[in-house]
Amino acid sequence: MDHDQAVQAKDLHRTLEFIGLRAQATSVGLIQLCAELVRSGVLDYGAIERIKDAIYRDITVSRPRNGLSGEFEKTLRQRLDAIFPQAESTEQRAPVGSLEEMESALDPEAKGRSHTEI
């Protein structure tokens, strides 16, 4: 992500936090809206990828840095791919995975501990 994209993503993140659109319900609505727009032929693969890229940028600029960005970013991309529909289908592509798997991508020492211990 270049500097301008990072600045724009940070500004958007702050704005969304300010107006309270960081809730899971908003995310669920966005995913459903994407599925409906793909189903009707309004969105194609490129549009879905741009939406996922925007989400990816926001999450990567807002999370604390811990030196494990490569594994976290790979896992984040896989999970975004899993929850958003493909342009050819409104079905999910793959299981998202467990909370423990995401935690281990963030912190390899967390492997084996419950998410309440982290």
PDB file of N, CA and C in Angstrom:
ATOM      1  N   MET A   1       0.861  -1.159   0.000  1.00  0.00           N
ATOM      2  CA  MET A   1       0.000   0.000   0.000  1.00  0.00           C
ATOM      3  C   MET A   1       0.913   1.228   0.000  1.00  0.00           C
ATOM      4  N   ASP A   2       0.637   2.154  -0.910  1.00  0.00           N
ATOM      5  CA  ASP A   2       1.466   3.354  -0.953  1.00  0.00           C
ATOM      6  C   ASP A   2       1.035   4.343   0.134  1.00  0.00           C
ATOM      7  N   HIS A   3       1.816   5.406   0.296  1.00  0.00           N
ATOM      8  CA  HIS A   3       1.587   6.379   1.368  1.00  0.00           C
ATOM      9  C   HIS A   3       0.211   7.031   1.269  1.00  0.00           C
ATOM     10  N   ASP A   4      -0.190   7.447   0.071  1.00  0.00           N
ATOM     11  CA  ASP A   4      -1.501   8.094  -0.103  1.00  0.00           C
ATOM     12  C   ASP A   4      -2.638   7.158   0.277  1.00  0.00           C
ATOM     13  N   GLN A   5      -2.545   5.897  -0.119  1.00  0.00           N
ATOM     14  CA  GLN A   5      -3.579   4.923   0.242  1.00  0.00           C
ATOM     15  C   GLN A   5      -3.640   4.733   1.749  1.00  0.00           C
ATOM     16  N   ALA A   6      -2.475   4.696   2.402  1.00  0.00           N
ATOM     17  CA  ALA A   6      -2.435   4.533   3.854  1.00  0.00           C
ATOM     18  C   ALA A   6      -3.082   5.727   4.553  1.00  0.00           C
ATOM     19  N   VAL A   7      -2.786   6.939   4.088  1.00  0.00           N
ATOM     20  CA  VAL A   7      -3.380   8.138   4.675  1.00  0.00           C
ATOM     21  C   VAL A   7      -4.894   8.126   4.491  1.00  0.00           C
ATOM     22  N   GLN A   8      -5.345   7.791   3.294  1.00  0.00           N
ATOM     23  CA  GLN A   8      -6.783   7.733   3.029  1.00  0.00           C
ATOM     24  C   GLN A   8      -7.458   6.661   3.891  1.00  0.00           C
ATOM     25  N   ALA A   9      -6.818   5.504   4.022  1.00  0.00           N
ATOM     26  CA  ALA A   9      -7.382   4.423   4.831  1.00  0.00           C
ATOM     27  C   ALA A   9      -7.475   4.828   6.297  1.00  0.00           C
ATOM     28  N   LYS A  10      -6.444   5.503   6.818  1.00  0.00           N
ATOM     29  CA  LYS A  10      -6.467   5.954   8.211  1.00  0.00           C
ATOM     30  C   LYS A  10      -7.573   6.982   8.430  1.00  0.00           C
ATOM     31  N   ASP A  11      -7.730   7.915   7.498  1.00  0.00           N
ATOM     32  CA  ASP A  11      -8.792   8.921   7.614  1.00  0.00           C
ATOM     33  C   ASP A  11     -10.174   8.267   7.599  1.00  0.00           C
ATOM     34  N   LEU A  12     -10.385   7.339   6.693  1.00  0.00           N
ATOM     35  CA  LEU A  12     -11.668   6.644   6.619  1.00  0.00           C
ATOM     36  C   LEU A  12     -11.925   5.850   7.899  1.00  0.00           C
ATOM     37  N   HIS A  13     -10.882   5.186   8.403  1.00  0.00           N
ATOM     38  CA  HIS A  13     -11.010   4.414   9.639  1.00  0.00           C
ATOM     39  C   HIS A  13     -11.463   5.311  10.790  1.00  0.00           C
ATOM     40  N   ARG A  14     -10.815   6.464  10.952  1.00  0.00           N
ATOM     41  CA  ARG A  14     -11.188   7.389  12.027  1.00  0.00           C
ATOM     42  C   ARG A  14     -12.622   7.875  11.864  1.00  0.00           C
ATOM     43  N   THR A  15     -13.015   8.162  10.636  1.00  0.00           N
ATOM     44  CA  THR A  15     -14.380   8.629  10.379  1.00  0.00           C
ATOM     45  C   THR A  15     -15.397   7.550  10.736  1.00  0.00           C
ATOM     46  N   LEU A  16     -15.142   6.319  10.317  1.00  0.00           N
ATOM     47  CA  LEU A  16     -16.054   5.220  10.625  1.00  0.00           C
ATOM     48  C   LEU A  16     -16.166   4.984  12.128  1.00  0.00           C
ATOM     49  N   GLU A  17     -15.043   5.064  12.836  1.00  0.00           N
ATOM     50  CA  GLU A  17     -15.088   4.920  14.288  1.00  0.00           C
ATOM     51  C   GLU A  17     -15.916   6.036  14.910  1.00  0.00           C
ATOM     52  N   PHE A  18     -15.744   7.247  14.413  1.00  0.00           N
ATOM     53  CA  PHE A  18     -16.452   8.404  14.956  1.00  0.00           C
ATOM     54  C   PHE A  18     -17.959   8.260  14.815  1.00  0.00           C
ATOM     55  N   ILE A  19     -18.421   7.752  13.671  1.00  0.00           N
ATOM     56  CA  ILE A  19     -19.865   7.644  13.473  1.00  0.00           C
ATOM     57  C   ILE A  19     -20.413   6.282  13.888  1.00  0.00           C
ATOM     58  N   GLY A  20     -19.548   5.380  14.352  1.00  0.00           N
ATOM     59  CA  GLY A  20     -20.009   4.122  14.927  1.00  0.00           C
ATOM     60  C   GLY A  20     -20.312   3.015  13.936  1.00  0.00           C
ATOM     61  N   LEU A  21     -19.718   3.047  12.764  1.00  0.00           N
ATOM     62  CA  LEU A  21     -19.979   1.996  11.769  1.00  0.00           C
ATOM     63  C   LEU A  21     -18.941   0.877  11.808  1.00  0.00           C
ATOM     64  N   ARG A  22     -18.476   0.531  12.973  1.00  0.00           N
ATOM     65  CA  ARG A  22     -17.496  -0.535  13.107  1.00  0.00           C
ATOM     66  C   ARG A  22     -18.147  -1.819  13.605  1.00  0.00           C
ATOM     67  N   ALA A  23     -19.422  -1.893  13.597  1.00  0.00           N
ATOM     68  CA  ALA A  23     -20.146  -3.028  14.180  1.00  0.00           C
ATOM     69  C   ALA A  23     -20.220  -4.212  13.235  1.00  0.00           C
ATOM     70  N   GLN A  24     -20.383  -5.384  13.812  1.00  0.00           N
ATOM     71  CA  GLN A  24     -20.535  -6.600  13.023  1.00  0.00           C
ATOM     72  C   GLN A  24     -21.764  -6.540  12.145  1.00  0.00           C
ATOM     73  N   ALA A  25     -22.812  -5.923  12.615  1.00  0.00           N
ATOM     74  CA  ALA A  25     -24.036  -5.831  11.817  1.00  0.00           C
ATOM     75  C   ALA A  25     -23.780  -5.095  10.503  1.00  0.00           C
ATOM     76  N   THR A  26     -22.954  -4.082  10.543  1.00  0.00           N
ATOM     77  CA  THR A  26     -22.613  -3.358   9.327  1.00  0.00           C
ATOM     78  C   THR A  26     -21.858  -4.270   8.365  1.00  0.00           C
ATOM     79  N   SER A  27     -20.954  -5.072   8.889  1.00  0.00           N
ATOM     80  CA  SER A  27     -20.196  -6.005   8.052  1.00  0.00           C
ATOM     81  C   SER A  27     -21.099  -7.049   7.426  1.00  0.00           C
ATOM     82  N   VAL A  28     -22.013  -7.578   8.215  1.00  0.00           N
ATOM     83  CA  VAL A  28     -22.951  -8.575   7.698  1.00  0.00           C
ATOM     84  C   VAL A  28     -23.796  -7.962   6.581  1.00  0.00           C
ATOM     85  N   GLY A  29     -24.252  -6.740   6.797  1.00  0.00           N
ATOM     86  CA  GLY A  29     -25.029  -6.054   5.770  1.00  0.00           C
ATOM     87  C   GLY A  29     -24.234  -5.830   4.498  1.00  0.00           C
ATOM     88  N   LEU A  30     -22.965  -5.464   4.637  1.00  0.00           N
ATOM     89  CA  LEU A  30     -22.109  -5.256   3.474  1.00  0.00           C
ATOM     90  C   LEU A  30     -21.924  -6.549   2.679  1.00  0.00           C
ATOM     91  N   ILE A  31     -21.683  -7.642   3.382  1.00  0.00           N
ATOM     92  CA  ILE A  31     -21.495  -8.928   2.700  1.00  0.00           C
ATOM     93  C   ILE A  31     -22.775  -9.339   1.976  1.00  0.00           C
ATOM     94  N   GLN A  32     -23.919  -9.156   2.631  1.00  0.00           N
ATOM     95  CA  GLN A  32     -25.186  -9.491   1.988  1.00  0.00           C
ATOM     96  C   GLN A  32     -25.440  -8.593   0.782  1.00  0.00           C
ATOM     97  N   LEU A  33     -25.155  -7.309   0.917  1.00  0.00           N
ATOM     98  CA  LEU A  33     -25.314  -6.384  -0.199  1.00  0.00           C
ATOM     99  C   LEU A  33     -24.435  -6.801  -1.381  1.00  0.00           C
ATOM    100  N   CYS A  34     -23.209  -7.178  -1.103  1.00  0.00           N
ATOM    101  CA  CYS A  34     -22.312  -7.641  -2.169  1.00  0.00           C
ATOM    102  C   CYS A  34     -22.882  -8.885  -2.847  1.00  0.00           C
ATOM    103  N   ALA A  35     -23.379  -9.823  -2.051  1.00  0.00           N
ATOM    104  CA  ALA A  35     -23.959 -11.042  -2.625  1.00  0.00           C
ATOM    105  C   ALA A  35     -25.139 -10.703  -3.522  1.00  0.00           C
ATOM    106  N   GLU A  36     -25.984  -9.782  -3.077  1.00  0.00           N
ATOM    107  CA  GLU A  36     -27.149  -9.390  -3.881  1.00  0.00           C
ATOM    108  C   GLU A  36     -26.720  -8.692  -5.172  1.00  0.00           C
ATOM    109  N   LEU A  37     -25.736  -7.844  -5.088  1.00  0.00           N
ATOM    110  CA  LEU A  37     -25.268  -7.129  -6.280  1.00  0.00           C
ATOM    111  C   LEU A  37     -24.544  -8.046  -7.263  1.00  0.00           C
ATOM    112  N   VAL A  38     -23.818  -9.049  -6.738  1.00  0.00           N
ATOM    113  CA  VAL A  38     -23.202 -10.053  -7.616  1.00  0.00           C
ATOM    114  C   VAL A  38     -24.294 -10.870  -8.294  1.00  0.00           C
ATOM    115  N   ARG A  39     -25.279 -11.299  -7.513  1.00  0.00           N
ATOM    116  CA  ARG A  39     -26.379 -12.105  -8.042  1.00  0.00           C
ATOM    117  C   ARG A  39     -27.109 -11.363  -9.165  1.00  0.00           C
ATOM    118  N   SER A  40     -27.284 -10.051  -9.029  1.00  0.00           N
ATOM    119  CA  SER A  40     -27.997  -9.275 -10.045  1.00  0.00           C
ATOM    120  C   SER A  40     -27.098  -8.846 -11.204  1.00  0.00           C
ATOM    121  N   GLY A  41     -25.802  -9.133 -11.101  1.00  0.00           N
ATOM    122  CA  GLY A  41     -24.885  -8.797 -12.187  1.00  0.00           C
ATOM    123  C   GLY A  41     -24.333  -7.389 -12.120  1.00  0.00           C
ATOM    124  N   VAL A  42     -24.589  -6.676 -11.042  1.00  0.00           N
ATOM    125  CA  VAL A  42     -24.094  -5.307 -10.909  1.00  0.00           C
ATOM    126  C   VAL A  42     -22.613  -5.287 -10.549  1.00  0.00           C
ATOM    127  N   LEU A  43     -22.189  -6.202  -9.682  1.00  0.00           N
ATOM    128  CA  LEU A  43     -20.784  -6.290  -9.291  1.00  0.00           C
ATOM    129  C   LEU A  43     -20.115  -7.466  -9.986  1.00  0.00           C
ATOM    130  N   ASP A  44     -18.874  -7.236 -10.402  1.00  0.00           N
ATOM    131  CA  ASP A  44     -18.085  -8.311 -10.983  1.00  0.00           C
ATOM    132  C   ASP A  44     -16.910  -8.623 -10.054  1.00  0.00           C
ATOM    133  N   TYR A  45     -16.034  -9.516 -10.485  1.00  0.00           N
ATOM    134  CA  TYR A  45     -14.891  -9.938  -9.682  1.00  0.00           C
ATOM    135  C   TYR A  45     -14.028  -8.748  -9.283  1.00  0.00           C
ATOM    136  N   GLY A  46     -13.764  -7.838 -10.213  1.00  0.00           N
ATOM    137  CA  GLY A  46     -12.929  -6.675  -9.923  1.00  0.00           C
ATOM    138  C   GLY A  46     -13.512  -5.802  -8.826  1.00  0.00           C
ATOM    139  N   ALA A  47     -14.827  -5.606  -8.852  1.00  0.00           N
ATOM    140  CA  ALA A  47     -15.482  -4.789  -7.833  1.00  0.00           C
ATOM    141  C   ALA A  47     -15.373  -5.444  -6.461  1.00  0.00           C
ATOM    142  N   ILE A  48     -15.606  -6.749  -6.397  1.00  0.00           N
ATOM    143  CA  ILE A  48     -15.491  -7.468  -5.119  1.00  0.00           C
ATOM    144  C   ILE A  48     -14.054  -7.369  -4.599  1.00  0.00           C
ATOM    145  N   GLU A  49     -13.082  -7.506  -5.479  1.00  0.00           N
ATOM    146  CA  GLU A  49     -11.678  -7.398  -5.072  1.00  0.00           C
ATOM    147  C   GLU A  49     -11.368  -6.000  -4.539  1.00  0.00           C
ATOM    148  N   ARG A  50     -11.896  -4.957  -5.157  1.00  0.00           N
ATOM    149  CA  ARG A  50     -11.665  -3.593  -4.674  1.00  0.00           C
ATOM    150  C   ARG A  50     -12.311  -3.376  -3.304  1.00  0.00           C
ATOM    151  N   ILE A  51     -13.465  -3.960  -3.084  1.00  0.00           N
ATOM    152  CA  ILE A  51     -14.120  -3.870  -1.774  1.00  0.00           C
ATOM    153  C   ILE A  51     -13.269  -4.566  -0.718  1.00  0.00           C
ATOM    154  N   LYS A  52     -12.802  -5.781  -1.033  1.00  0.00           N
ATOM    155  CA  LYS A  52     -11.949  -6.508  -0.088  1.00  0.00           C
ATOM    156  C   LYS A  52     -10.647  -5.752   0.157  1.00  0.00           C
ATOM    157  N   ASP A  53     -10.090  -5.138  -0.882  1.00  0.00           N
ATOM    158  CA  ASP A  53      -8.863  -4.359  -0.721  1.00  0.00           C
ATOM    159  C   ASP A  53      -9.066  -3.183   0.225  1.00  0.00           C
ATOM    160  N   ALA A  54     -10.215  -2.520   0.126  1.00  0.00           N
ATOM    161  CA  ALA A  54     -10.506  -1.391   1.019  1.00  0.00           C
ATOM    162  C   ALA A  54     -10.586  -1.857   2.472  1.00  0.00           C
ATOM    163  N   ILE A  55     -11.239  -2.991   2.697  1.00  0.00           N
ATOM    164  CA  ILE A  55     -11.340  -3.545   4.053  1.00  0.00           C
ATOM    165  C   ILE A  55      -9.958  -3.948   4.554  1.00  0.00           C
ATOM    166  N   TYR A  56      -9.200  -4.603   3.701  1.00  0.00           N
ATOM    167  CA  TYR A  56      -7.845  -5.042   4.039  1.00  0.00           C
ATOM    168  C   TYR A  56      -6.979  -3.844   4.452  1.00  0.00           C
ATOM    169  N   ARG A  57      -7.037  -2.772   3.669  1.00  0.00           N
ATOM    170  CA  ARG A  57      -6.238  -1.587   3.985  1.00  0.00           C
ATOM    171  C   ARG A  57      -6.628  -1.020   5.354  1.00  0.00           C
ATOM    172  N   ASP A  58      -7.924  -0.948   5.623  1.00  0.00           N
ATOM    173  CA  ASP A  58      -8.358  -0.394   6.906  1.00  0.00           C
ATOM    174  C   ASP A  58      -7.879  -1.248   8.065  1.00  0.00           C
ATOM    175  N   ILE A  59      -8.008  -2.544   7.949  1.00  0.00           N
ATOM    176  CA  ILE A  59      -7.586  -3.424   9.045  1.00  0.00           C
ATOM    177  C   ILE A  59      -6.080  -3.358   9.238  1.00  0.00           C
ATOM    178  N   THR A  60      -5.312  -3.338   8.161  1.00  0.00           N
ATOM    179  CA  THR A  60      -3.860  -3.337   8.308  1.00  0.00           C
ATOM    180  C   THR A  60      -3.328  -2.021   8.859  1.00  0.00           C
ATOM    181  N   VAL A  61      -3.976  -0.896   8.569  1.00  0.00           N
ATOM    182  CA  VAL A  61      -3.480   0.371   9.129  1.00  0.00           C
ATOM    183  C   VAL A  61      -3.935   0.586  10.556  1.00  0.00           C
ATOM    184  N   SER A  62      -4.959  -0.131  11.011  1.00  0.00           N
ATOM    185  CA  SER A  62      -5.498   0.109  12.343  1.00  0.00           C
ATOM    186  C   SER A  62      -5.026  -0.893  13.387  1.00  0.00           C
ATOM    187  N   ARG A  63      -4.402  -1.968  12.976  1.00  0.00           N
ATOM    188  CA  ARG A  63      -3.991  -2.972  13.965  1.00  0.00           C
ATOM    189  C   ARG A  63      -2.610  -2.623  14.525  1.00  0.00           C
ATOM    190  N   PRO A  64      -2.357  -3.007  15.775  1.00  0.00           N
ATOM    191  CA  PRO A  64      -1.037  -2.752  16.365  1.00  0.00           C
ATOM    192  C   PRO A  64       0.036  -3.545  15.623  1.00  0.00           C
ATOM    193  N   ARG A  65       1.176  -2.965  15.473  1.00  0.00           N
ATOM    194  CA  ARG A  65       2.299  -3.641  14.816  1.00  0.00           C
ATOM    195  C   ARG A  65       2.978  -4.563  15.809  1.00  0.00           C
ATOM    196  N   ASN A  66       3.204  -5.803  15.403  1.00  0.00           N
ATOM    197  CA  ASN A  66       3.875  -6.742  16.301  1.00  0.00           C
ATOM    198  C   ASN A  66       4.966  -7.533  15.589  1.00  0.00           C
ATOM    199  N   GLY A  67       5.343  -7.123  14.402  1.00  0.00           N
ATOM    200  CA  GLY A  67       6.420  -7.794  13.704  1.00  0.00           C
ATOM    201  C   GLY A  67       6.006  -9.025  12.923  1.00  0.00           C
ATOM    202  N   LEU A  68       4.738  -9.412  12.959  1.00  0.00           N
ATOM    203  CA  LEU A  68       4.274 -10.617  12.275  1.00  0.00           C
ATOM    204  C   LEU A  68       3.325 -10.259  11.147  1.00  0.00           C
ATOM    205  N   SER A  69       3.560  -9.141  10.517  1.00  0.00           N
ATOM    206  CA  SER A  69       2.606  -8.638   9.531  1.00  0.00           C
ATOM    207  C   SER A  69       2.425  -9.570   8.337  1.00  0.00           C
ATOM    208  N   GLY A  70       3.439 -10.258   7.904  1.00  0.00           N
ATOM    209  CA  GLY A  70       3.326 -11.138   6.744  1.00  0.00           C
ATOM    210  C   GLY A  70       2.309 -12.246   6.945  1.00  0.00           C
ATOM    211  N   GLU A  71       2.394 -12.943   8.054  1.00  0.00           N
ATOM    212  CA  GLU A  71       1.459 -14.036   8.329  1.00  0.00           C
ATOM    213  C   GLU A  71       0.058 -13.498   8.611  1.00  0.00           C
ATOM    214  N   PHE A  72      -0.028 -12.403   9.351  1.00  0.00           N
ATOM    215  CA  PHE A  72      -1.329 -11.788   9.630  1.00  0.00           C
ATOM    216  C   PHE A  72      -2.000 -11.357   8.332  1.00  0.00           C
ATOM    217  N   GLU A  73      -1.255 -10.675   7.469  1.00  0.00           N
ATOM    218  CA  GLU A  73      -1.822 -10.176   6.222  1.00  0.00           C
ATOM    219  C   GLU A  73      -2.266 -11.312   5.307  1.00  0.00           C
ATOM    220  N   LYS A  74      -1.501 -12.405   5.275  1.00  0.00           N
ATOM    221  CA  LYS A  74      -1.882 -13.574   4.480  1.00  0.00           C
ATOM    222  C   LYS A  74      -3.183 -14.178   5.009  1.00  0.00           C
ATOM    223  N   THR A  75      -3.269 -14.335   6.324  1.00  0.00           N
ATOM    224  CA  THR A  75      -4.467 -14.901   6.939  1.00  0.00           C
ATOM    225  C   THR A  75      -5.668 -13.987   6.731  1.00  0.00           C
ATOM    226  N   LEU A  76      -5.459 -12.688   6.860  1.00  0.00           N
ATOM    227  CA  LEU A  76      -6.535 -11.722   6.645  1.00  0.00           C
ATOM    228  C   LEU A  76      -7.073 -11.819   5.219  1.00  0.00           C
ATOM    229  N   ARG A  77      -6.183 -11.880   4.228  1.00  0.00           N
ATOM    230  CA  ARG A  77      -6.611 -12.017   2.827  1.00  0.00           C
ATOM    231  C   ARG A  77      -7.430 -13.289   2.625  1.00  0.00           C
ATOM    232  N   GLN A  78      -6.964 -14.400   3.184  1.00  0.00           N
ATOM    233  CA  GLN A  78      -7.680 -15.671   3.041  1.00  0.00           C
ATOM    234  C   GLN A  78      -9.071 -15.584   3.643  1.00  0.00           C
ATOM    235  N   ARG A  79      -9.195 -14.934   4.767  1.00  0.00           N
ATOM    236  CA  ARG A  79     -10.495 -14.834   5.430  1.00  0.00           C
ATOM    237  C   ARG A  79     -11.429 -13.892   4.689  1.00  0.00           C
ATOM    238  N   LEU A  80     -10.905 -12.813   4.144  1.00  0.00           N
ATOM    239  CA  LEU A  80     -11.747 -11.929   3.320  1.00  0.00           C
ATOM    240  C   LEU A  80     -12.230 -12.679   2.084  1.00  0.00           C
ATOM    241  N   ASP A  81     -11.342 -13.449   1.464  1.00  0.00           N
ATOM    242  CA  ASP A  81     -11.739 -14.249   0.305  1.00  0.00           C
ATOM    243  C   ASP A  81     -12.842 -15.240   0.670  1.00  0.00           C
ATOM    244  N   ALA A  82     -12.773 -15.767   1.888  1.00  0.00           N
ATOM    245  CA  ALA A  82     -13.741 -16.778   2.308  1.00  0.00           C
ATOM    246  C   ALA A  82     -15.133 -16.203   2.559  1.00  0.00           C
ATOM    247  N   ILE A  83     -15.219 -14.978   3.044  1.00  0.00           N
ATOM    248  CA  ILE A  83     -16.544 -14.459   3.416  1.00  0.00           C
ATOM    249  C   ILE A  83     -17.246 -13.693   2.307  1.00  0.00           C
ATOM    250  N   PHE A  84     -16.487 -13.199   1.316  1.00  0.00           N
ATOM    251  CA  PHE A  84     -17.123 -12.456   0.230  1.00  0.00           C
ATOM    252  C   PHE A  84     -17.425 -13.378  -0.943  1.00  0.00           C
ATOM    253  N   PRO A  85     -18.533 -13.110  -1.640  1.00  0.00           N
ATOM    254  CA  PRO A  85     -18.885 -13.956  -2.783  1.00  0.00           C
ATOM    255  C   PRO A  85     -17.939 -13.733  -3.952  1.00  0.00           C
ATOM    256  N   GLN A  86     -17.792 -14.767  -4.760  1.00  0.00           N
ATOM    257  CA  GLN A  86     -17.085 -14.620  -6.025  1.00  0.00           C
ATOM    258  C   GLN A  86     -18.049 -13.982  -7.005  1.00  0.00           C
ATOM    259  N   ALA A  87     -17.528 -13.406  -8.045  1.00  0.00           N
ATOM    260  CA  ALA A  87     -18.393 -12.773  -9.040  1.00  0.00           C
ATOM    261  C   ALA A  87     -19.298 -13.796  -9.712  1.00  0.00           C
ATOM    262  N   GLU A  88     -18.841 -15.043  -9.860  1.00  0.00           N
ATOM    263  CA  GLU A  88     -19.642 -16.067 -10.531  1.00  0.00           C
ATOM    264  C   GLU A  88     -20.687 -16.684  -9.609  1.00  0.00           C
ATOM    265  N   SER A  89     -20.546 -16.473  -8.303  1.00  0.00           N
ATOM    266  CA  SER A  89     -21.406 -17.152  -7.345  1.00  0.00           C
ATOM    267  C   SER A  89     -21.604 -16.273  -6.124  1.00  0.00           C
ATOM    268  N   THR A  90     -22.738 -16.388  -5.470  1.00  0.00           N
ATOM    269  CA  THR A  90     -22.954 -15.656  -4.230  1.00  0.00           C
ATOM    270  C   THR A  90     -22.651 -16.524  -3.019  1.00  0.00           C
ATOM    271  N   GLU A  91     -22.141 -17.712  -3.242  1.00  0.00           N
ATOM    272  CA  GLU A  91     -21.812 -18.610  -2.141  1.00  0.00           C
ATOM    273  C   GLU A  91     -20.438 -18.285  -1.582  1.00  0.00           C
ATOM    274  N   GLN A  92     -20.225 -18.613  -0.319  1.00  0.00           N
ATOM    275  CA  GLN A  92     -18.906 -18.461   0.266  1.00  0.00           C
ATOM    276  C   GLN A  92     -17.968 -19.476  -0.372  1.00  0.00           C
ATOM    277  N   ARG A  93     -16.692 -19.121  -0.470  1.00  0.00           N
ATOM    278  CA  ARG A  93     -15.730 -19.997  -1.116  1.00  0.00           C
ATOM    279  C   ARG A  93     -15.124 -21.031  -0.191  1.00  0.00           C
ATOM    280  N   ALA A  94     -14.918 -20.686   1.076  1.00  0.00           N
ATOM    281  CA  ALA A  94     -14.201 -21.586   1.973  1.00  0.00           C
ATOM    282  C   ALA A  94     -14.579 -21.270   3.412  1.00  0.00           C
ATOM    283  N   PRO A  95     -14.347 -22.228   4.313  1.00  0.00           N
ATOM    284  CA  PRO A  95     -14.558 -21.920   5.724  1.00  0.00           C
ATOM    285  C   PRO A  95     -13.583 -20.829   6.173  1.00  0.00           C
ATOM    286  N   VAL A  96     -14.008 -20.001   7.094  1.00  0.00           N
ATOM    287  CA  VAL A  96     -13.172 -18.892   7.547  1.00  0.00           C
ATOM    288  C   VAL A  96     -12.071 -19.364   8.479  1.00  0.00           C
ATOM    289  N   GLY A  97     -12.338 -20.336   9.306  1.00  0.00           N
ATOM    290  CA  GLY A  97     -11.341 -20.809  10.261  1.00  0.00           C
ATOM    291  C   GLY A  97     -11.721 -20.394  11.668  1.00  0.00           C
ATOM    292  N   SER A  98     -10.918 -20.841  12.616  1.00  0.00           N
ATOM    293  CA  SER A  98     -11.238 -20.589  14.019  1.00  0.00           C
ATOM    294  C   SER A  98     -10.546 -19.335  14.535  1.00  0.00           C
ATOM    295  N   LEU A  99     -11.035 -18.848  15.664  1.00  0.00           N
ATOM    296  CA  LEU A  99     -10.421 -17.720  16.338  1.00  0.00           C
ATOM    297  C   LEU A  99      -8.979 -18.055  16.710  1.00  0.00           C
ATOM    298  N   GLU A 100      -8.750 -19.283  17.134  1.00  0.00           N
ATOM    299  CA  GLU A 100      -7.405 -19.698  17.527  1.00  0.00           C
ATOM    300  C   GLU A 100      -6.428 -19.632  16.349  1.00  0.00           C
ATOM    301  N   GLU A 101      -6.893 -19.982  15.149  1.00  0.00           N
ATOM    302  CA  GLU A 101      -6.017 -19.901  13.974  1.00  0.00           C
ATOM    303  C   GLU A 101      -5.626 -18.460  13.675  1.00  0.00           C
ATOM    304  N   MET A 102      -6.576 -17.533  13.810  1.00  0.00           N
ATOM    305  CA  MET A 102      -6.271 -16.123  13.579  1.00  0.00           C
ATOM    306  C   MET A 102      -5.325 -15.607  14.652  1.00  0.00           C
ATOM    307  N   GLU A 103      -5.546 -16.013  15.897  1.00  0.00           N
ATOM    308  CA  GLU A 103      -4.659 -15.596  16.978  1.00  0.00           C
ATOM    309  C   GLU A 103      -3.241 -16.115  16.764  1.00  0.00           C
ATOM    310  N   SER A 104      -3.116 -17.342  16.270  1.00  0.00           N
ATOM    311  CA  SER A 104      -1.775 -17.874  16.040  1.00  0.00           C
ATOM    312  C   SER A 104      -1.091 -17.159  14.883  1.00  0.00           C
ATOM    313  N   ALA A 105      -1.853 -16.613  13.939  1.00  0.00           N
ATOM    314  CA  ALA A 105      -1.262 -15.802  12.870  1.00  0.00           C
ATOM    315  C   ALA A 105      -0.740 -14.482  13.441  1.00  0.00           C
ATOM    316  N   LEU A 106      -1.403 -13.984  14.474  1.00  0.00           N
ATOM    317  CA  LEU A 106      -0.968 -12.754  15.122  1.00  0.00           C
ATOM    318  C   LEU A 106       0.182 -12.997  16.087  1.00  0.00           C
ATOM    319  N   ASP A 107       0.130 -14.127  16.795  1.00  0.00           N
ATOM    320  CA  ASP A 107       1.095 -14.426  17.844  1.00  0.00           C
ATOM    321  C   ASP A 107       1.363 -15.926  17.872  1.00  0.00           C
ATOM    322  N   PRO A 108       2.466 -16.390  17.268  1.00  0.00           N
ATOM    323  CA  PRO A 108       2.737 -17.824  17.214  1.00  0.00           C
ATOM    324  C   PRO A 108       2.844 -18.462  18.605  1.00  0.00           C
ATOM    325  N   GLU A 109       3.179 -17.680  19.626  1.00  0.00           N
ATOM    326  CA  GLU A 109       3.265 -18.212  20.981  1.00  0.00           C
ATOM    327  C   GLU A 109       1.886 -18.471  21.567  1.00  0.00           C
ATOM    328  N   ALA A 110       0.836 -17.933  20.927  1.00  0.00           N
ATOM    329  CA  ALA A 110      -0.535 -18.120  21.416  1.00  0.00           C
ATOM    330  C   ALA A 110      -1.064 -19.507  21.092  1.00  0.00           C
ATOM    331  N   LYS A 111      -0.398 -20.233  20.209  1.00  0.00           N
ATOM    332  CA  LYS A 111      -0.863 -21.556  19.795  1.00  0.00           C
ATOM    333  C   LYS A 111      -1.037 -22.452  21.018  1.00  0.00           C
ATOM    334  N   GLY A 112      -2.210 -23.033  21.118  1.00  0.00           N
ATOM    335  CA  GLY A 112      -2.475 -23.940  22.221  1.00  0.00           C
ATOM    336  C   GLY A 112      -3.158 -23.278  23.408  1.00  0.00           C
ATOM    337  N   ARG A 113      -3.107 -21.953  23.487  1.00  0.00           N
ATOM    338  CA  ARG A 113      -3.810 -21.263  24.573  1.00  0.00           C
ATOM    339  C   ARG A 113      -5.212 -20.926  24.125  1.00  0.00           C
ATOM    340  N   SER A 114      -6.123 -20.840  25.053  1.00  0.00           N
ATOM    341  CA  SER A 114      -7.479 -20.454  24.689  1.00  0.00           C
ATOM    342  C   SER A 114      -7.512 -18.942  24.428  1.00  0.00           C
ATOM    343  N   HIS A 115      -8.506 -18.488  23.631  1.00  0.00           N
ATOM    344  CA  HIS A 115      -8.572 -17.075  23.297  1.00  0.00           C
ATOM    345  C   HIS A 115      -8.842 -16.201  24.509  1.00  0.00           C
ATOM    346  N   THR A 116      -9.319 -16.755  25.597  1.00  0.00           N
ATOM    347  CA  THR A 116      -9.548 -15.956  26.792  1.00  0.00           C
ATOM    348  C   THR A 116      -8.247 -15.729  27.569  1.00  0.00           C
ATOM    349  N   GLU A 117      -7.229 -16.529  27.257  1.00  0.00           N
ATOM    350  CA  GLU A 117      -5.935 -16.369  27.935  1.00  0.00           C
ATOM    351  C   GLU A 117      -5.061 -15.336  27.265  1.00  0.00           C
ATOM    352  N   ILE A 118      -5.400 -14.930  26.060  1.00  0.00           N
ATOM    353  CA  ILE A 118      -4.521 -14.065  25.275  1.00  0.00           C
ATOM    354  C   ILE A 118      -4.772 -12.622  25.571  1.00  0.00           C
TER     355      ILE A 118
END
